[in-house]
Amino acid sequence: MPTPSPTHHEHEHGHRVEAAGQAFWDSRYRESERIWSGRPNSVLVREAAGLAPGRALDLGCGEGADAVWLAGRGWTVTGTDISPVALERAAGHAAEAGVADRIAFERHDLGESFPAGEFDLVAACFLHSPGEMPRERILRTAAAAVAPGGVLLVAGHGGPAPGAENPHPDLHFPTPEEVLAGLELPEDGWEVLVCAEHERVGTEADRPGHGYDNTLTVRRLA
């Protein structure tokens, strides 16, 4: 799930902005008992299914579907979100799935704090939010948390289908090439596995309608 964060020029009012971000997402989650499908993101399933289980970090874990799926496949997972409401719900879903002992849920405003340690998989699936968020800086921090030989997966919204209405005209959804450039990775230290836009049709990953999403998967060389 997305995690709103203050921009670099709002740090002096960070507590106020952080509270507003948390309040927004707490309110969003309180709208219903479950706001997402409970299924893992299909891009995570596709990109992580062939990876050997290790330590995983799920950024913006929301209600925990991705974290639960990873834990069920043998990963030790750290899931983060800005919303305590989401994290409590995610912990409940992990317990229901019998994988609570494999997941640690932590509250982070990722623009202000970040989980400690190195991870064999860092996943940032649809880390978007209304308002301003230092997404590029967060993703660079995410890349720095990838262990040698590990993988960073960034999945994001693309644009609507040609002629279709844009449901989020106030947000810029970068292309996978823009995401890659924003990471500022040294060419000799990383391998690009996937950098592509793909069509989305129907209700895949809780996003109704026809349009495009994109995937960037990079591996840190040992």
Foldseek 3Di string as FASTA:
>chain_A
DAAAADDPVCVVVRVVRLVVRQVVVQVVCVVDVDQWDLAAAVVCCVPPVPPDAEEEEEEQCFQPSNVLVSLVVPHQYEYEYQYPNRQVNNCVVNVVSVRNVRYHYDYDNLVVDDDDAAGQEYEYAAHDDPDDHPVLVSVLVSVVRHDAQHKYKYKHFDAADVPDDGPCPPDDTDALVVSVVSNVDDPVFKDWDFRDKDWDAAQRRNDGHTGIMTMTMMHTHD
